[in-house]
Amino acid sequence: MKQKSQRPFQFPVDTNPIEAVRDGVVQSVVNDLGKGAVSDLWKQILGSEVPQKTSGEMQQGQELDLTSLAKKQNEKKPQAVEAGINYTAEIVHAQRRIAHQENQEMKAQIDQIVFELKHLAKSSTILEAEFREVVVEQRIEKPGKYHVSFFEWMLSVVKSARMRVEDSGAWLALFKSKKKQRGYWQMFKKHGTSFGLSNERVVSTQTG
């Protein structure tokens, strides 16, 4: 019986070593970066567009596109600038409204003081002559705190002058009354009781 001849063991030989190297490199890249990163890399090589993420967590192997990120940030800047302009315009408008309101209040206060000045000046011929120029109608285009202070001071001066005039009038009336009484008593001493008991003297004494 013949024994079967044993064939020597032959190692498998790859007929295409380039493909073997390619497959090994691809498999190594896939293992290191993941299938998604390899797919994106392949699309970039072929010229295909790969959507870039500008926010959130970056995936392993993902590249950050700074140009695209800067472009989107620049698109948001006009909105921020416009909001700042609107805020500034609101502040300026509010300041003008407050200033206009203050001017109206000061103008009303000045008009009230001037009206009182005229009333006091007309209450006496002496005051009217002294303060004629003060109470002349004057139109104030831009009233300020200075005008209010000035007219308040003038009002106090007119009030003080009026008190002096009233005191002077009272003193003058009293002086005339006393002078008249002195004349009456002199006539009484000269003519005696006949002068004091006459009807005219009685009436004048009662009224005087």
Protein backbone atom coordinates (compact mmCIF):
# COMPACT_ATOMS: atom_id res chain seq x y z
CA MET A 1 0.00 0.00 0.00
CA LYS A 2 1.41 3.25 -1.05
CA GLN A 3 1.57 6.06 1.47
CA LYS A 4 0.11 9.40 0.49
CA SER A 5 2.73 11.96 -0.19
CA GLN A 6 2.39 14.99 2.08
CA ARG A 7 2.50 18.35 0.40
CA PRO A 8 4.62 20.98 2.09
CA PHE A 9 2.62 23.77 3.88
CA GLN A 10 2.55 26.96 1.93
CA PHE A 11 1.99 30.36 3.56
CA PRO A 12 -0.78 32.41 1.95
CA VAL A 13 0.65 35.11 -0.19
CA ASP A 14 -1.42 38.27 -0.96
CA THR A 15 -1.34 38.87 -4.61
CA ASN A 16 -1.98 42.68 -4.14
CA PRO A 17 0.20 44.15 -1.38
CA ILE A 18 -1.02 47.72 -2.07
CA GLU A 19 -4.60 46.81 -1.23
CA ALA A 20 -3.45 45.11 1.94
CA VAL A 21 -1.62 48.22 3.08
CA ARG A 22 -4.65 50.39 2.20
CA ASP A 23 -7.04 48.20 4.13
CA GLY A 24 -4.76 48.20 7.12
CA VAL A 25 -4.40 51.99 7.13
CA VAL A 26 -8.14 52.56 6.73
CA GLN A 27 -8.95 50.15 9.52
CA SER A 28 -6.41 51.82 11.78
CA VAL A 29 -7.85 55.29 11.06
CA VAL A 30 -11.39 54.04 11.65
CA ASN A 31 -10.37 52.57 14.97
CA ASP A 32 -8.61 55.79 16.03
CA LEU A 33 -11.05 58.45 14.81
CA GLY A 34 -14.35 56.70 14.37
CA LYS A 35 -16.45 56.13 11.30
CA GLY A 36 -17.99 59.62 11.33
CA ALA A 37 -14.64 61.41 11.31
CA VAL A 38 -13.32 59.21 8.52
CA SER A 39 -16.45 59.87 6.48
CA ASP A 40 -16.09 63.64 6.95
CA LEU A 41 -12.42 63.48 6.08
CA TRP A 42 -13.19 61.53 2.93
CA LYS A 43 -15.85 64.07 1.92
CA GLN A 44 -13.38 66.91 2.40
CA ILE A 45 -10.88 65.11 0.18
CA LEU A 46 -13.52 64.66 -2.51
CA GLY A 47 -14.57 68.32 -2.23
CA SER A 48 -17.96 67.71 -0.63
CA GLU A 49 -19.30 70.22 1.94
CA VAL A 50 -19.34 69.04 5.50
CA PRO A 51 -21.64 70.92 7.93
CA GLN A 52 -19.63 72.53 10.68
CA LYS A 53 -20.82 72.84 14.24
CA THR A 54 -20.21 76.20 15.84
CA SER A 55 -21.58 75.42 19.26
CA GLY A 56 -21.91 72.52 21.60
CA GLU A 57 -19.44 69.75 22.18
CA MET A 58 -16.95 68.95 19.46
CA GLN A 59 -16.74 65.42 18.21
CA GLN A 60 -13.47 63.59 18.22
CA GLY A 61 -11.44 64.51 15.19
CA GLN A 62 -13.70 67.44 14.26
CA GLU A 63 -12.00 70.60 13.02
CA LEU A 64 -13.17 74.05 14.13
CA ASP A 65 -13.89 76.42 11.26
CA LEU A 66 -12.89 79.80 12.71
CA THR A 67 -13.79 81.67 9.53
CA SER A 68 -17.38 80.48 9.62
CA LEU A 69 -17.65 81.19 13.34
CA ALA A 70 -16.32 84.74 12.93
CA LYS A 71 -18.74 85.36 10.07
CA LYS A 72 -21.74 84.36 12.18
CA GLN A 73 -20.55 86.50 15.07
CA ASN A 74 -20.21 89.49 12.74
CA GLU A 75 -23.78 88.92 11.57
CA LYS A 76 -24.96 89.27 15.19
CA LYS A 77 -23.01 92.51 15.79
CA PRO A 78 -25.37 94.84 13.82
CA GLN A 79 -28.27 93.72 16.01
CA ALA A 80 -26.30 94.53 19.17
CA VAL A 81 -25.25 97.94 17.76
CA GLU A 82 -28.84 98.74 16.78
CA ALA A 83 -30.05 97.85 20.28
CA GLY A 84 -27.40 100.15 21.78
CA ILE A 85 -28.46 103.02 19.51
CA ASN A 86 -32.11 102.60 20.47
CA TYR A 87 -31.20 102.60 24.18
CA THR A 88 -29.15 105.79 23.79
CA ALA A 89 -31.99 107.48 21.89
CA GLU A 90 -34.43 106.61 24.67
CA ILE A 91 -32.13 108.17 27.28
CA VAL A 92 -31.72 111.39 25.27
CA HIS A 93 -35.48 111.62 24.70
CA ALA A 94 -36.17 111.14 28.42
CA GLN A 95 -33.66 113.86 29.34
CA ARG A 96 -35.24 116.32 26.90
CA ARG A 97 -38.71 115.54 28.24
CA ILE A 98 -37.57 116.15 31.84
CA ALA A 99 -35.83 119.42 30.87
CA HIS A 100 -38.96 120.65 29.05
CA GLN A 101 -41.11 119.84 32.08
CA GLU A 102 -38.74 121.68 34.42
CA ASN A 103 -38.78 124.76 32.14
CA GLN A 104 -42.57 124.79 32.13
CA GLU A 105 -42.69 124.56 35.93
CA MET A 106 -40.17 127.41 36.35
CA LYS A 107 -42.04 129.56 33.84
CA ALA A 108 -45.31 129.04 35.73
CA GLN A 109 -43.57 129.90 39.01
CA ILE A 110 -42.10 133.10 37.54
CA ASP A 111 -45.48 134.14 36.11
CA GLN A 112 -47.06 133.68 39.54
CA ILE A 113 -44.40 135.80 41.24
CA VAL A 114 -44.68 138.57 38.63
CA PHE A 115 -48.46 138.61 39.03
CA GLU A 116 -48.09 139.04 42.79
CA LEU A 117 -45.52 141.80 42.24
CA LYS A 118 -47.96 143.72 40.05
CA HIS A 119 -50.73 143.30 42.59
CA LEU A 120 -48.58 144.61 45.43
CA ALA A 121 -47.26 147.51 43.38
CA LYS A 122 -50.75 148.66 42.43
CA SER A 123 -51.88 148.61 46.05
CA SER A 124 -49.97 151.82 46.69
CA THR A 125 -49.07 154.77 44.50
CA ILE A 126 -45.72 154.97 46.23
CA LEU A 127 -44.92 151.32 45.51
CA GLU A 128 -46.16 151.64 41.95
CA ALA A 129 -43.81 154.55 41.36
CA GLU A 130 -40.83 152.79 42.94
CA PHE A 131 -41.25 149.39 41.30
CA ARG A 132 -42.70 150.45 37.97
CA GLU A 133 -39.73 149.12 36.02
CA VAL A 134 -39.68 145.85 37.91
CA VAL A 135 -43.23 144.85 37.10
CA VAL A 136 -42.96 145.74 33.42
CA GLU A 137 -44.06 142.80 31.28
CA GLN A 138 -41.01 140.82 30.23
CA ARG A 139 -41.08 137.68 28.16
CA ILE A 140 -38.47 135.13 29.26
CA GLU A 141 -37.62 132.75 26.45
CA LYS A 142 -35.51 130.32 28.46
CA PRO A 143 -36.44 130.52 32.15
CA GLY A 144 -33.89 129.26 34.62
CA LYS A 145 -33.30 129.00 38.33
CA TYR A 146 -31.62 132.40 38.26
CA HIS A 147 -34.85 134.07 37.12
CA VAL A 148 -36.85 132.33 39.84
CA SER A 149 -34.37 133.43 42.53
CA PHE A 150 -34.34 137.00 41.22
CA PHE A 151 -38.13 137.43 41.19
CA GLU A 152 -38.47 135.79 44.60
CA TRP A 153 -35.98 138.31 45.95
CA MET A 154 -37.90 141.18 44.33
CA LEU A 155 -41.13 139.88 45.82
CA SER A 156 -39.61 139.96 49.30
CA VAL A 157 -38.38 143.53 48.68
CA VAL A 158 -41.84 144.69 47.55
CA LYS A 159 -43.51 143.04 50.55
CA SER A 160 -41.04 144.74 52.89
CA ALA A 161 -41.63 148.09 51.19
CA ARG A 162 -45.37 147.65 51.47
CA MET A 163 -45.07 147.00 55.20
CA ARG A 164 -43.03 150.19 55.57
CA VAL A 165 -45.60 152.14 53.59
CA GLU A 166 -48.44 150.77 55.68
CA ASP A 167 -46.52 151.55 58.84
CA SER A 168 -45.82 155.04 57.53
CA GLY A 169 -49.47 155.56 56.68
CA ALA A 170 -50.56 154.40 60.11
CA TRP A 171 -47.99 156.66 61.77
CA LEU A 172 -49.08 159.61 59.60
CA ALA A 173 -52.74 159.04 60.44
CA LEU A 174 -51.88 158.86 64.13
CA PHE A 175 -49.79 162.01 63.86
CA LYS A 176 -52.63 163.89 62.19
CA SER A 177 -55.04 162.67 64.81
CA LYS A 178 -52.79 163.80 67.66
CA LYS A 179 -52.16 167.14 65.98
CA LYS A 180 -55.88 167.66 65.62
CA GLN A 181 -56.39 166.78 69.25
CA ARG A 182 -53.71 169.26 70.32
CA GLY A 183 -55.46 171.97 68.34
CA TYR A 184 -58.75 171.08 69.99
CA TRP A 185 -57.33 171.33 73.50
CA GLN A 186 -55.65 174.63 72.69
CA MET A 187 -58.97 176.04 71.52
CA PHE A 188 -60.63 174.62 74.62
CA LYS A 189 -58.13 176.37 76.86
CA LYS A 190 -58.60 179.60 74.99
CA HIS A 191 -62.41 179.67 74.80
CA GLY A 192 -63.28 177.64 77.82
CA THR A 193 -66.30 175.41 78.26
CA SER A 194 -68.34 177.33 75.71
CA PHE A 195 -66.12 175.92 72.95
CA GLY A 196 -66.18 172.41 74.34
CA LEU A 197 -69.96 172.32 74.70
CA SER A 198 -70.84 173.71 71.29
CA ASN A 199 -72.60 171.31 68.92
CA GLU A 200 -69.89 171.57 66.25
CA ARG A 201 -67.13 170.70 68.75
CA VAL A 202 -69.09 167.74 70.09
CA VAL A 203 -69.58 166.33 66.60
CA SER A 204 -65.96 166.92 65.63
CA THR A 205 -64.74 165.29 68.84
CA GLN A 206 -66.88 162.23 68.33
CA THR A 207 -65.83 161.79 64.70
CA GLY A 208 -62.18 162.77 65.26
